[in-house]
């Protein structure tokens, strides 16, 4: 019985670490979002010859 309890504890700890890492990844609000501009994909990503410095 102690082997089952030990395995269950290890599995719970692994899931807890995974859950904390996923929560940290989801809560990361400081990432840059340069590819979206006013709800549409910025054309500067696909057409680098455009002068897009004025639109930002």
Protein backbone atom coordinates (compact mmCIF):
# COMPACT_ATOMS: atom_id res chain seq x y z
CA UNK A 1 0.00 0.00 0.00
CA UNK A 2 2.85 2.39 0.67
CA UNK A 3 4.14 1.89 -2.88
CA UNK A 4 0.81 3.04 -4.31
CA UNK A 5 0.76 6.07 -2.00
CA UNK A 6 4.33 6.97 -2.97
CA UNK A 7 3.55 6.72 -6.69
CA UNK A 8 0.38 8.76 -6.25
CA UNK A 9 2.35 11.46 -4.42
CA UNK A 10 4.98 11.61 -7.16
CA UNK A 11 2.31 11.85 -9.86
CA UNK A 12 0.52 14.61 -7.95
CA UNK A 13 3.74 16.58 -7.59
CA UNK A 14 4.51 16.24 -11.30
CA UNK A 15 1.01 17.45 -12.20
CA UNK A 16 1.34 20.34 -9.76
CA UNK A 17 4.60 21.46 -11.36
CA UNK A 18 3.03 21.17 -14.80
CA UNK A 19 0.00 23.20 -13.68
CA UNK A 20 2.19 25.94 -12.22
CA UNK A 21 4.23 26.17 -15.41
CA UNK A 22 1.09 26.36 -17.54
CA UNK A 23 -0.41 29.03 -15.27
CA UNK A 24 2.78 31.08 -15.56
CA UNK A 25 2.75 30.74 -19.34
CA UNK A 26 -0.89 31.80 -19.60
CA UNK A 27 -0.50 34.71 -17.19
CA UNK A 28 2.42 36.16 -19.12
CA UNK A 29 0.87 39.47 -20.18
CA UNK A 30 4.11 41.29 -20.91
CA UNK A 31 4.71 39.75 -24.31
CA UNK A 32 4.85 42.01 -27.33
CA UNK A 33 2.08 41.90 -29.85
CA UNK A 34 3.55 43.66 -32.88
CA UNK A 35 1.90 41.51 -35.53
CA UNK A 36 -1.60 42.87 -34.85
CA UNK A 37 -2.58 46.44 -35.56
CA UNK A 38 -6.18 47.61 -35.06
CA UNK A 39 -7.60 44.10 -35.31
CA UNK A 40 -5.97 43.13 -38.61
CA UNK A 41 -2.69 41.54 -39.54
CA UNK A 42 -0.09 44.19 -40.13
CA UNK A 43 0.80 44.23 -43.85
CA UNK A 44 4.39 45.12 -42.98
CA UNK A 45 5.02 41.52 -41.99
CA UNK A 46 4.28 40.26 -45.46
CA UNK A 47 5.37 43.24 -47.55
CA UNK A 48 8.58 44.61 -46.01
CA UNK A 49 8.96 47.23 -48.75
CA UNK A 50 6.06 49.27 -47.27
CA UNK A 51 6.84 52.20 -45.03
CA UNK A 52 5.11 51.05 -41.87
CA UNK A 53 6.98 53.15 -39.33
CA UNK A 54 4.35 55.91 -39.56
CA UNK A 55 1.43 53.55 -38.86
CA UNK A 56 2.72 52.45 -35.46
